[in-house]
Amino acid sequence: MPAEAATRAFLGLGGNIGDPAAAMAAALRALDAHDAVSVAAVSSLYRTPPWGVTDQPDFLNAVAALDTALTARHLLDLCLDVERGLKRIRAQRWGPRVIDIDILLFGNERIEEAGLQVPHPRMGERAFVLAPLAEIAPEAMVDGQTAAQRLGGLETGDIVRLPGGGDWWKEEARG
């Protein structure tokens, strides 16, 4: 994929049932295998308390930067296909899930379409998104501030960065 044709996008990944780290790793490998997508960077894994519906297990969350020749809509379709392939069931908003993939940022685009809002709404209020985003892209702009600045204004005491760095998703790193 020619670099000039690529858009830098950031995806939020999460899950809290089954083996969410394995599901997120499989999702990233599937995305990276697509001809029009290249995973450029992945954050560490973060253990985070549930948000919205709080009577459920803790989540694992991560953020990935990727370069893509796809449109935002086509990237969303690809992410939804990957979720379905990993048996994602959408039973309850903010409820338990094996995998969740959200487009957080897509270049500098602002998109308001049915089923697609970019930048992702409310990400500036969610430390479980901003902590991994700030790890790999501290200067990314979120609600008029950098990700690092936005994160600095939020409560992060319950968020735990897991050891291992950003290679956890690669087949060889899973040992």
C-alpha atoms as a PDB file:
ATOM      1  CA  MET A   1       0.000   0.000   0.000  1.00  0.00           C
ATOM      2  CA  PRO A   2       1.603   3.303  -1.044  1.00  0.00           C
ATOM      3  CA  ALA A   3       2.149   5.549   1.973  1.00  0.00           C
ATOM      4  CA  GLU A   4       0.628   8.573   0.215  1.00  0.00           C
ATOM      5  CA  ALA A   5      -2.648   6.677  -0.244  1.00  0.00           C
ATOM      6  CA  ALA A   6      -2.860   5.689   3.414  1.00  0.00           C
ATOM      7  CA  THR A   7      -4.816   7.335   6.204  1.00  0.00           C
ATOM      8  CA  ARG A   8      -3.661   6.912   9.818  1.00  0.00           C
ATOM      9  CA  ALA A   9      -6.558   5.596  11.861  1.00  0.00           C
ATOM     10  CA  PHE A  10      -6.765   4.654  15.522  1.00  0.00           C
ATOM     11  CA  LEU A  11      -8.895   1.772  16.741  1.00  0.00           C
ATOM     12  CA  GLY A  12     -10.016   1.037  20.278  1.00  0.00           C
ATOM     13  CA  LEU A  13     -10.214  -2.656  21.124  1.00  0.00           C
ATOM     14  CA  GLY A  14     -11.679  -4.266  24.196  1.00  0.00           C
ATOM     15  CA  GLY A  15     -13.319  -7.317  25.644  1.00  0.00           C
ATOM     16  CA  ASN A  16     -14.117  -8.977  28.955  1.00  0.00           C
ATOM     17  CA  ILE A  17     -15.413 -12.503  28.373  1.00  0.00           C
ATOM     18  CA  GLY A  18     -13.599 -15.596  27.177  1.00  0.00           C
ATOM     19  CA  ASP A  19      -9.982 -14.719  26.408  1.00  0.00           C
ATOM     20  CA  PRO A  20     -10.174 -11.062  25.366  1.00  0.00           C
ATOM     21  CA  ALA A  21      -6.406 -10.755  24.815  1.00  0.00           C
ATOM     22  CA  ALA A  22      -6.513 -13.660  22.351  1.00  0.00           C
ATOM     23  CA  ALA A  23      -9.586 -12.215  20.627  1.00  0.00           C
ATOM     24  CA  MET A  24      -7.984  -8.770  20.293  1.00  0.00           C
ATOM     25  CA  ALA A  25      -4.743 -10.347  19.017  1.00  0.00           C
ATOM     26  CA  ALA A  26      -6.688 -12.365  16.434  1.00  0.00           C
ATOM     27  CA  ALA A  27      -8.568  -9.219  15.391  1.00  0.00           C
ATOM     28  CA  LEU A  28      -5.360  -7.240  14.916  1.00  0.00           C
ATOM     29  CA  ARG A  29      -3.762 -10.058  12.919  1.00  0.00           C
ATOM     30  CA  ALA A  30      -6.877 -10.278  10.715  1.00  0.00           C
ATOM     31  CA  LEU A  31      -6.864  -6.523  10.109  1.00  0.00           C
ATOM     32  CA  ASP A  32      -3.119  -6.507   9.404  1.00  0.00           C
ATOM     33  CA  ALA A  33      -3.570  -9.337   6.874  1.00  0.00           C
ATOM     34  CA  HIS A  34      -5.975  -7.215   4.776  1.00  0.00           C
ATOM     35  CA  ASP A  35      -4.330  -5.795   1.640  1.00  0.00           C
ATOM     36  CA  ALA A  36      -5.439  -2.231   2.417  1.00  0.00           C
ATOM     37  CA  VAL A  37      -4.531  -2.217   6.136  1.00  0.00           C
ATOM     38  CA  SER A  38      -1.209  -2.193   7.958  1.00  0.00           C
ATOM     39  CA  VAL A  39      -1.007  -2.164  11.763  1.00  0.00           C
ATOM     40  CA  ALA A  40       1.586   0.501  12.605  1.00  0.00           C
ATOM     41  CA  ALA A  41       1.582   0.459  16.428  1.00  0.00           C
ATOM     42  CA  VAL A  42      -0.304  -1.217  19.263  1.00  0.00           C
ATOM     43  CA  SER A  43      -0.490  -0.111  22.880  1.00  0.00           C
ATOM     44  CA  SER A  44       0.071  -2.293  25.881  1.00  0.00           C
ATOM     45  CA  LEU A  45      -2.950  -4.105  27.269  1.00  0.00           C
ATOM     46  CA  TYR A  46      -4.814  -2.288  30.042  1.00  0.00           C
ATOM     47  CA  ARG A  47      -7.066  -3.861  32.659  1.00  0.00           C
ATOM     48  CA  THR A  48      -9.963  -1.497  33.222  1.00  0.00           C
ATOM     49  CA  PRO A  49     -13.145  -1.549  35.277  1.00  0.00           C
ATOM     50  CA  PRO A  50     -16.415  -1.909  33.353  1.00  0.00           C
ATOM     51  CA  TRP A  51     -18.028   1.300  32.145  1.00  0.00           C
ATOM     52  CA  GLY A  52     -21.756   1.868  31.717  1.00  0.00           C
ATOM     53  CA  VAL A  53     -22.963  -1.523  32.973  1.00  0.00           C
ATOM     54  CA  THR A  54     -20.721  -2.103  35.996  1.00  0.00           C
ATOM     55  CA  ASP A  55     -21.940  -5.562  37.130  1.00  0.00           C
ATOM     56  CA  GLN A  56     -19.581  -7.517  34.865  1.00  0.00           C
ATOM     57  CA  PRO A  57     -15.915  -8.593  34.729  1.00  0.00           C
ATOM     58  CA  ASP A  58     -13.087  -6.115  34.176  1.00  0.00           C
ATOM     59  CA  PHE A  59     -12.135  -5.380  30.580  1.00  0.00           C
ATOM     60  CA  LEU A  60      -8.883  -5.596  28.718  1.00  0.00           C
ATOM     61  CA  ASN A  61      -8.422  -2.598  26.419  1.00  0.00           C
ATOM     62  CA  ALA A  62      -5.857  -1.499  23.855  1.00  0.00           C
ATOM     63  CA  VAL A  63      -5.497   0.998  21.022  1.00  0.00           C
ATOM     64  CA  ALA A  64      -3.974   0.291  17.618  1.00  0.00           C
ATOM     65  CA  ALA A  65      -2.709   2.753  15.044  1.00  0.00           C
ATOM     66  CA  LEU A  66      -3.064   1.568  11.498  1.00  0.00           C
ATOM     67  CA  ASP A  67      -2.505   2.886   8.031  1.00  0.00           C
ATOM     68  CA  THR A  68      -5.258   2.126   5.571  1.00  0.00           C
ATOM     69  CA  ALA A  69      -6.296   2.821   2.011  1.00  0.00           C
ATOM     70  CA  LEU A  70      -9.910   2.042   2.983  1.00  0.00           C
ATOM     71  CA  THR A  71     -12.527   4.694   3.603  1.00  0.00           C
ATOM     72  CA  ALA A  72     -13.747   5.027   7.171  1.00  0.00           C
ATOM     73  CA  ARG A  73     -17.005   3.260   6.232  1.00  0.00           C
ATOM     74  CA  HIS A  74     -15.131   0.347   4.638  1.00  0.00           C
ATOM     75  CA  LEU A  75     -12.815   0.129   7.642  1.00  0.00           C
ATOM     76  CA  LEU A  76     -15.859  -0.011   9.919  1.00  0.00           C
ATOM     77  CA  ASP A  77     -17.343  -2.789   7.769  1.00  0.00           C
ATOM     78  CA  LEU A  78     -14.066  -4.712   7.988  1.00  0.00           C
ATOM     79  CA  CYS A  79     -13.967  -4.277  11.789  1.00  0.00           C
ATOM     80  CA  LEU A  80     -17.563  -5.514  12.082  1.00  0.00           C
ATOM     81  CA  ASP A  81     -16.724  -8.532   9.892  1.00  0.00           C
ATOM     82  CA  VAL A  82     -13.753  -9.318  12.143  1.00  0.00           C
ATOM     83  CA  GLU A  83     -15.966  -9.011  15.245  1.00  0.00           C
ATOM     84  CA  ARG A  84     -18.529 -11.406  13.719  1.00  0.00           C
ATOM     85  CA  GLY A  85     -15.750 -13.845  12.828  1.00  0.00           C
ATOM     86  CA  LEU A  86     -14.725 -13.827  16.497  1.00  0.00           C
ATOM     87  CA  LYS A  87     -18.328 -14.526  17.568  1.00  0.00           C
ATOM     88  CA  ARG A  88     -19.198 -11.041  18.880  1.00  0.00           C
ATOM     89  CA  ILE A  89     -22.810 -10.953  20.031  1.00  0.00           C
ATOM     90  CA  ARG A  90     -24.420  -7.544  20.539  1.00  0.00           C
ATOM     91  CA  ALA A  91     -26.858  -8.370  23.327  1.00  0.00           C
ATOM     92  CA  GLN A  92     -26.570  -5.392  25.703  1.00  0.00           C
ATOM     93  CA  ARG A  93     -25.186  -1.888  25.221  1.00  0.00           C
ATOM     94  CA  TRP A  94     -21.964  -1.567  27.269  1.00  0.00           C
ATOM     95  CA  GLY A  95     -22.443  -5.182  28.340  1.00  0.00           C
ATOM     96  CA  PRO A  96     -20.031  -8.118  28.364  1.00  0.00           C
ATOM     97  CA  ARG A  97     -18.360  -8.966  25.066  1.00  0.00           C
ATOM     98  CA  VAL A  98     -15.621 -11.144  23.661  1.00  0.00           C
ATOM     99  CA  ILE A  99     -14.406  -8.324  21.365  1.00  0.00           C
ATOM    100  CA  ASP A 100     -15.261  -4.741  20.541  1.00  0.00           C
ATOM    101  CA  ILE A 101     -13.520  -2.693  17.858  1.00  0.00           C
ATOM    102  CA  ASP A 102     -14.237   1.023  17.494  1.00  0.00           C
ATOM    103  CA  ILE A 103     -12.806   3.578  15.098  1.00  0.00           C
ATOM    104  CA  LEU A 104     -11.553   6.348  17.364  1.00  0.00           C
ATOM    105  CA  LEU A 105      -9.876   8.647  14.839  1.00  0.00           C
ATOM    106  CA  PHE A 106      -9.610   8.505  11.050  1.00  0.00           C
ATOM    107  CA  GLY A 107      -6.967  10.959   9.921  1.00  0.00           C
ATOM    108  CA  ASN A 108      -8.343  14.429  10.611  1.00  0.00           C
ATOM    109  CA  GLU A 109     -11.787  13.539   9.297  1.00  0.00           C
ATOM    110  CA  ARG A 110     -15.012  14.383  11.057  1.00  0.00           C
ATOM    111  CA  ILE A 111     -17.758  11.968  10.046  1.00  0.00           C
ATOM    112  CA  GLU A 112     -21.419  11.989  11.085  1.00  0.00           C
ATOM    113  CA  GLU A 113     -23.227   9.157   9.323  1.00  0.00           C
ATOM    114  CA  ALA A 114     -25.710   6.513  10.364  1.00  0.00           C
ATOM    115  CA  GLY A 115     -23.706   4.058  12.483  1.00  0.00           C
ATOM    116  CA  LEU A 116     -20.412   5.941  12.132  1.00  0.00           C
ATOM    117  CA  GLN A 117     -19.206   8.935  14.140  1.00  0.00           C
ATOM    118  CA  VAL A 118     -15.565   9.983  13.936  1.00  0.00           C
ATOM    119  CA  PRO A 119     -13.932  11.075  16.143  1.00  0.00           C
ATOM    120  CA  HIS A 120     -15.604   8.507  18.365  1.00  0.00           C
ATOM    121  CA  PRO A 121     -18.137  10.259  20.588  1.00  0.00           C
ATOM    122  CA  ARG A 122     -17.303  10.485  24.293  1.00  0.00           C
ATOM    123  CA  MET A 123     -13.777   9.077  23.898  1.00  0.00           C
ATOM    124  CA  GLY A 124     -12.453  12.243  25.531  1.00  0.00           C
ATOM    125  CA  GLU A 125     -14.313  11.239  28.722  1.00  0.00           C
ATOM    126  CA  ARG A 126     -13.089   7.644  28.798  1.00  0.00           C
ATOM    127  CA  ALA A 127      -9.764   6.941  30.467  1.00  0.00           C
ATOM    128  CA  PHE A 128      -9.904   3.329  29.243  1.00  0.00           C
ATOM    129  CA  VAL A 129      -9.581   4.732  25.698  1.00  0.00           C
ATOM    130  CA  LEU A 130      -7.247   7.633  26.418  1.00  0.00           C
ATOM    131  CA  ALA A 131      -4.648   5.691  28.448  1.00  0.00           C
ATOM    132  CA  PRO A 132      -3.709   3.330  25.596  1.00  0.00           C
ATOM    133  CA  LEU A 133      -4.119   6.095  22.987  1.00  0.00           C
ATOM    134  CA  ALA A 134      -1.791   8.396  24.925  1.00  0.00           C
ATOM    135  CA  GLU A 135       0.752   5.570  25.172  1.00  0.00           C
ATOM    136  CA  ILE A 136       1.176   5.267  21.385  1.00  0.00           C
ATOM    137  CA  ALA A 137       0.027   8.720  20.210  1.00  0.00           C
ATOM    138  CA  PRO A 138       0.244  11.244  23.065  1.00  0.00           C
ATOM    139  CA  GLU A 139      -0.089  14.150  20.605  1.00  0.00           C
ATOM    140  CA  ALA A 140      -3.278  12.835  18.946  1.00  0.00           C
ATOM    141  CA  MET A 141      -5.949  15.507  19.186  1.00  0.00           C
ATOM    142  CA  VAL A 142      -9.082  14.701  21.197  1.00  0.00           C
ATOM    143  CA  ASP A 143     -11.678  17.402  21.866  1.00  0.00           C
ATOM    144  CA  GLY A 144      -9.177  20.201  21.245  1.00  0.00           C
ATOM    145  CA  GLN A 145      -6.437  18.786  23.490  1.00  0.00           C
ATOM    146  CA  THR A 146      -3.790  16.136  23.059  1.00  0.00           C
ATOM    147  CA  ALA A 147      -4.659  12.635  24.253  1.00  0.00           C
ATOM    148  CA  ALA A 148      -2.083  13.034  27.027  1.00  0.00           C
ATOM    149  CA  GLN A 149      -3.651  16.324  28.189  1.00  0.00           C
ATOM    150  CA  ARG A 150      -7.193  14.866  28.142  1.00  0.00           C
ATOM    151  CA  LEU A 151      -6.022  11.820  30.075  1.00  0.00           C
ATOM    152  CA  GLY A 152      -4.386  14.056  32.690  1.00  0.00           C
ATOM    153  CA  GLY A 153      -7.811  15.447  33.588  1.00  0.00           C
ATOM    154  CA  LEU A 154      -9.437  12.056  34.194  1.00  0.00           C
ATOM    155  CA  GLU A 155      -9.455   9.570  37.066  1.00  0.00           C
ATOM    156  CA  THR A 156      -7.122   6.701  36.132  1.00  0.00           C
ATOM    157  CA  GLY A 157      -6.543   4.984  39.493  1.00  0.00           C
ATOM    158  CA  ASP A 158      -8.454   1.825  38.535  1.00  0.00           C
ATOM    159  CA  ILE A 159      -6.660   1.375  35.193  1.00  0.00           C
ATOM    160  CA  VAL A 160      -3.700  -1.010  35.201  1.00  0.00           C
ATOM    161  CA  ARG A 161      -1.198  -1.143  32.352  1.00  0.00           C
ATOM    162  CA  LEU A 162      -0.158  -4.765  31.959  1.00  0.00           C
ATOM    163  CA  PRO A 163       3.488  -5.696  31.349  1.00  0.00           C
ATOM    164  CA  GLY A 164       4.610  -6.790  27.920  1.00  0.00           C
ATOM    165  CA  GLY A 165       4.461  -3.683  25.755  1.00  0.00           C
ATOM    166  CA  GLY A 166       2.866  -3.482  22.343  1.00  0.00           C
ATOM    167  CA  ASP A 167       3.932  -6.799  20.775  1.00  0.00           C
ATOM    168  CA  TRP A 168       1.392  -8.913  22.706  1.00  0.00           C
ATOM    169  CA  TRP A 169      -0.787  -9.327  19.591  1.00  0.00           C
ATOM    170  CA  LYS A 170       1.869 -10.871  17.356  1.00  0.00           C
ATOM    171  CA  GLU A 171       1.758 -14.657  16.991  1.00  0.00           C
ATOM    172  CA  GLU A 172       5.400 -15.093  17.980  1.00  0.00           C
ATOM    173  CA  ALA A 173       4.965 -12.899  21.084  1.00  0.00           C
ATOM    174  CA  ARG A 174       2.164 -15.137  22.424  1.00  0.00           C
ATOM    175  CA  GLY A 175       4.636 -17.987  22.881  1.00  0.00           C
END
